[in-house]
Amino acid sequence: MTIAEATVKRLLELCSERNITINKISNISGITQSTVSDIVNGTTTNTGIVTIKKLCDGLEISMEEFFHDSSFENLGPEVK
């Protein structure tokens, strides 16, 4: 799994836990829906740290909470 895939997986898990749609997370995070959709659909594979911070703010969690998930353990190399 890549970091982009892990990020999508974690974001979708958090939205599901909170019963939040992609549209809702974009609204509460101040990120355009197209940007969030591009992340979730894999169009964007290099989500910026500022974007992740905004998503965390919208979810009312810390970045540590976001990344403290088994999805981010044992990631494969990004450079090949």
Protein backbone atom coordinates (compact mmCIF):
# COMPACT_ATOMS: atom_id res chain seq x y z
CA MET A 1 0.00 0.00 0.00
CA THR A 2 1.23 3.50 -0.83
CA ILE A 3 0.85 6.54 1.40
CA ALA A 4 -1.77 7.91 -1.02
CA GLU A 5 -3.81 4.70 -0.71
CA ALA A 6 -3.42 4.72 3.08
CA THR A 7 -4.55 8.35 3.21
CA VAL A 8 -7.68 7.58 1.19
CA LYS A 9 -8.44 4.52 3.29
CA ARG A 10 -8.09 6.47 6.53
CA LEU A 11 -10.16 9.41 5.29
CA LEU A 12 -12.98 7.13 4.16
CA GLU A 13 -12.88 5.23 7.47
CA LEU A 14 -13.14 8.45 9.46
CA CYS A 15 -15.99 9.74 7.30
CA SER A 16 -17.81 6.44 7.63
CA GLU A 17 -17.38 6.40 11.43
CA ARG A 18 -18.90 9.89 11.59
CA ASN A 19 -21.50 9.29 8.88
CA ILE A 20 -20.03 12.18 6.86
CA THR A 21 -20.15 12.36 3.07
CA ILE A 22 -17.36 13.61 0.84
CA ASN A 23 -19.42 16.75 0.24
CA LYS A 24 -19.83 17.31 3.99
CA ILE A 25 -16.12 16.81 4.77
CA SER A 26 -15.21 19.28 2.03
CA ASN A 27 -17.64 21.85 3.46
CA ILE A 28 -16.53 21.53 7.09
CA SER A 29 -12.85 21.47 6.11
CA GLY A 30 -12.96 24.43 3.73
CA ILE A 31 -11.62 22.32 0.87
CA THR A 32 -13.35 22.19 -2.50
CA GLN A 33 -15.37 19.08 -3.19
CA SER A 34 -13.37 18.50 -6.37
CA THR A 35 -10.14 18.40 -4.36
CA VAL A 36 -11.55 15.88 -1.87
CA SER A 37 -13.00 13.83 -4.73
CA ASP A 38 -9.63 13.85 -6.50
CA ILE A 39 -7.99 12.54 -3.32
CA VAL A 40 -10.58 9.82 -2.81
CA ASN A 41 -10.62 8.80 -6.49
CA GLY A 42 -6.84 8.61 -6.65
CA THR A 43 -6.50 11.42 -9.17
CA THR A 44 -4.35 13.24 -6.62
CA THR A 45 -1.64 10.96 -5.29
CA ASN A 46 0.36 13.58 -3.41
CA THR A 47 -2.03 15.17 -0.93
CA GLY A 48 -0.37 18.12 0.73
CA ILE A 49 0.13 18.31 4.47
CA VAL A 50 -1.90 21.54 4.66
CA THR A 51 -4.84 19.75 3.01
CA ILE A 52 -4.56 16.87 5.47
CA LYS A 53 -4.44 19.37 8.35
CA LYS A 54 -7.63 21.04 7.08
CA LEU A 55 -9.34 17.65 6.82
CA CYS A 56 -8.26 16.87 10.38
CA ASP A 57 -9.58 20.23 11.56
CA GLY A 58 -12.91 19.49 9.89
CA LEU A 59 -13.02 16.07 11.54
CA GLU A 60 -11.97 17.67 14.84
CA ILE A 61 -9.00 15.36 15.25
CA SER A 62 -5.27 15.92 15.46
CA MET A 63 -2.92 14.95 12.68
CA GLU A 64 -1.45 12.43 15.10
CA GLU A 65 -4.88 10.80 15.38
CA PHE A 66 -5.21 10.75 11.61
CA PHE A 67 -1.89 9.00 11.07
CA HIS A 68 -2.14 6.76 14.13
CA ASP A 69 -3.69 3.92 12.17
CA SER A 70 -2.51 0.54 10.97
CA SER A 71 -2.94 1.74 7.37
CA PHE A 72 0.27 3.74 7.77
CA GLU A 73 2.32 0.84 9.13
CA ASN A 74 4.61 -1.11 6.82
CA LEU A 75 4.10 1.14 3.82
CA GLY A 76 6.04 0.16 0.74
CA PRO A 77 8.71 2.40 -0.73
CA GLU A 78 7.45 5.45 -2.58
CA VAL A 79 10.56 5.80 -4.74
CA LYS A 80 11.19 2.99 -7.17
